């Protein structure tokens, strides 16, 4: 049961990250244009968030061996994601308006501005979600002889969730929901994952 819960949690975490990556790139394109730089910036920042989440999540898992600790990361990440439509326009406007209106934007900033926007909006929520995989590997591995199988299963579940997030966001969500509502839905799901971690904490400790 413990392994099944862990697999479901990391699946949904991987799903949410990819939805934020795909829909986030479209969201940034409204202000920064549908250029190659927008996609490079969004993919790059999500990878930065994943790298930080894996590294720091693993360290936190060794120190705080309680599933409920993930709520400290996931609930704020969910709130940030939920309110992206509310606070992000001001951030993006500040990035754009710092350039003189009567001058063309230098090429270097055409490349870097989308990366700054992506970092300010998506880095922290995706970082919180990325901590799930190393945390679940730490909490579900009880014997060194099983660490390969457990870690492989957790990483695979997260990756399958990411694959689902790519296709569901690209083929279904973008056609059925507005972009702000997609962010709100992912925010609610992320916060609920944090609450599930609190509820299931006792089972994991047993």
Foldseek 3Di string as FASTA:
>chain_A
DLLVLLLVLLLLLLLLLLLCLVLVLVVLCVQLNNDPLSNVLSVVLLVVLLVLLQVVLLVVCVVDVFLLVLLVQQLVLLVLLLCCVPPLVVVLCVLVVVDDPPDDDDPVCSNCSSNVSNCVRPNRSSNSSSSSLSNSLSLVDDDPVCSVVSSVSNVVSNVNSNVCNNCCSVPPDVVPHPSSVSSNVSSVVSSVSSVVSVVCRVVSVD
